Amino acid sequence: MSANAPDADHGGGHATLTGYLLGLLLCLVLTGASFGVVMTDLVPQPLRLTAIVVLCVVQLVAQLVLFLHIGAGRSQHENTGIFLCTAFLIAIVVAGSLWVMHNANLNMMPMQMSGTP
C-alpha cells in the first residue's frame, strides 16, 4: 500500500466524544424513564408493559446507531444485514426454547398420581 493511498472506508461512522456522550445521556434518560414507568403511577397499569417495550426498542436503536454505528448508509448494508440475520436467529432460538419448555411442562407427569395415598 503506498503512502498516498487513502484509508479504506470500512463503513463505520466516525466516533466522536460528542456522539458517545449524547448516546450515554440518551440511554440514561431512557433507563430512568423505564424505571419511572415501573415505580410511579404516571402510566396506567394496562399500558406499563407497552411503555417499557417502546422505551426498550428506542434505547436499542439509540445504542445501535450511536455506539455501534449501524446505519442505513450505503456502506452499512452488509453490517445491517448481518445484524438483522443475527437478531432473527436469536429470536428463533428464544421462541423455540420457550415452545419446547411450554410443551415439556404440559406433558410432564403430575407429581401426585391419582389413587396413591
Protein backbone atom coordinates (compact mmCIF):
# COMPACT_ATOMS: atom_id res chain seq x y z
CA MET A 1 0.00 0.00 0.00
CA SER A 2 1.51 3.33 -0.94
CA ALA A 3 1.70 6.33 1.35
CA ASN A 4 -0.62 8.31 -0.95
CA ALA A 5 -3.41 5.72 -0.90
CA PRO A 6 -6.48 6.84 1.03
CA ASP A 7 -7.50 4.84 4.06
CA ALA A 8 -10.01 2.15 3.31
CA ASP A 9 -13.55 3.01 4.27
CA HIS A 10 -14.78 0.20 6.48
CA GLY A 11 -18.29 1.58 6.54
CA GLY A 12 -18.30 2.65 10.17
CA GLY A 13 -19.38 6.04 11.33
CA HIS A 14 -16.82 8.37 12.78
CA ALA A 15 -16.77 8.03 16.53
CA THR A 16 -16.69 11.33 18.36
CA LEU A 17 -16.73 12.13 22.03
CA THR A 18 -19.86 14.22 21.46
CA GLY A 19 -21.64 11.24 19.87
CA TYR A 20 -20.71 8.95 22.74
CA LEU A 21 -21.76 11.49 25.35
CA LEU A 22 -25.06 12.04 23.54
CA GLY A 23 -25.59 8.26 23.46
CA LEU A 24 -24.77 7.94 27.15
CA LEU A 25 -27.12 10.76 28.09
CA LEU A 26 -29.93 9.39 25.91
CA CYS A 27 -29.55 5.88 27.34
CA LEU A 28 -29.53 7.21 30.90
CA VAL A 29 -32.69 9.21 30.24
CA LEU A 30 -34.43 6.22 28.64
CA THR A 31 -33.39 3.93 31.51
CA GLY A 32 -34.67 6.49 34.01
CA ALA A 33 -37.92 6.74 32.09
CA SER A 34 -38.35 2.96 32.20
CA PHE A 35 -37.67 2.98 35.93
CA GLY A 36 -40.19 5.81 36.34
CA VAL A 37 -42.85 3.88 34.44
CA VAL A 38 -42.49 0.96 36.84
CA MET A 39 -42.11 2.89 40.10
CA THR A 40 -44.72 5.62 39.66
CA ASP A 41 -48.39 5.70 38.77
CA LEU A 42 -47.96 8.14 35.88
CA VAL A 43 -48.68 5.39 33.35
CA PRO A 44 -51.86 3.31 33.84
CA GLN A 45 -51.29 -0.35 34.75
CA PRO A 46 -52.52 -1.83 31.41
CA LEU A 47 -50.13 0.40 29.42
CA ARG A 48 -46.98 -0.14 31.51
CA LEU A 49 -45.71 -3.15 29.60
CA THR A 50 -46.28 -1.37 26.29
CA ALA A 51 -44.44 1.72 27.54
CA ILE A 52 -41.49 -0.35 28.73
CA VAL A 53 -41.25 -2.22 25.42
CA VAL A 54 -41.36 1.04 23.43
CA LEU A 55 -38.65 2.59 25.63
CA CYS A 56 -36.59 -0.59 25.25
CA VAL A 57 -36.79 -0.51 21.46
CA VAL A 58 -35.90 3.20 21.37
CA GLN A 59 -32.89 2.53 23.58
CA LEU A 60 -31.81 -0.40 21.39
CA VAL A 61 -31.96 1.77 18.27
CA ALA A 62 -30.05 4.56 20.02
CA GLN A 63 -27.31 2.14 21.06
CA LEU A 64 -27.07 0.61 17.59
CA VAL A 65 -26.77 3.99 15.91
CA LEU A 66 -24.69 5.93 18.44
CA PHE A 67 -22.38 3.21 19.80
CA LEU A 68 -22.20 0.50 17.13
CA HIS A 69 -22.60 2.98 14.23
CA ILE A 70 -25.06 0.76 12.36
CA GLY A 71 -26.95 2.96 9.97
CA ALA A 72 -28.86 2.94 6.71
CA GLY A 73 -25.96 4.29 4.64
CA ARG A 74 -24.83 2.52 1.51
CA SER A 75 -21.62 1.37 3.18
CA GLN A 76 -23.59 -0.11 6.09
CA HIS A 77 -25.75 -2.59 4.17
CA GLU A 78 -23.53 -5.57 5.00
CA ASN A 79 -23.35 -4.73 8.72
CA THR A 80 -27.08 -4.10 8.91
CA GLY A 81 -27.84 -7.35 7.09
CA ILE A 82 -25.59 -9.34 9.42
CA PHE A 83 -27.20 -7.71 12.45
CA LEU A 84 -30.73 -8.43 11.22
CA CYS A 85 -29.85 -12.05 10.44
CA THR A 86 -28.31 -12.48 13.91
CA ALA A 87 -31.35 -10.91 15.59
CA PHE A 88 -33.65 -13.20 13.59
CA LEU A 89 -31.66 -16.29 14.57
CA ILE A 90 -31.68 -15.27 18.25
CA ALA A 91 -35.46 -14.75 18.06
CA ILE A 92 -35.87 -18.24 16.56
CA VAL A 93 -33.72 -19.81 19.31
CA VAL A 94 -35.59 -17.99 22.09
CA ALA A 95 -39.03 -18.74 20.64
CA GLY A 96 -38.10 -22.38 20.05
CA SER A 97 -36.77 -22.75 23.59
CA LEU A 98 -39.94 -21.25 25.05
CA TRP A 99 -42.06 -23.56 22.89
CA VAL A 100 -40.10 -26.66 23.96
CA MET A 101 -40.29 -25.68 27.65
CA HIS A 102 -44.03 -24.99 27.38
CA ASN A 103 -44.70 -28.36 25.73
CA ALA A 104 -42.46 -30.16 28.21
CA ASN A 105 -44.40 -28.56 31.05
CA LEU A 106 -47.73 -29.64 29.54
CA ASN A 107 -46.56 -33.21 29.01
CA MET A 108 -44.93 -33.73 32.42
CA MET A 109 -46.43 -36.37 34.66
CA PRO A 110 -48.23 -34.82 37.61
CA MET A 111 -46.44 -35.04 40.95
CA GLN A 112 -49.42 -36.66 42.69
CA MET A 113 -50.83 -39.62 40.88
CA SER A 114 -54.49 -40.35 41.46
CA GLY A 115 -55.05 -43.38 43.64
CA THR A 116 -51.81 -43.08 45.64
CA PRO A 117 -52.13 -42.48 49.39
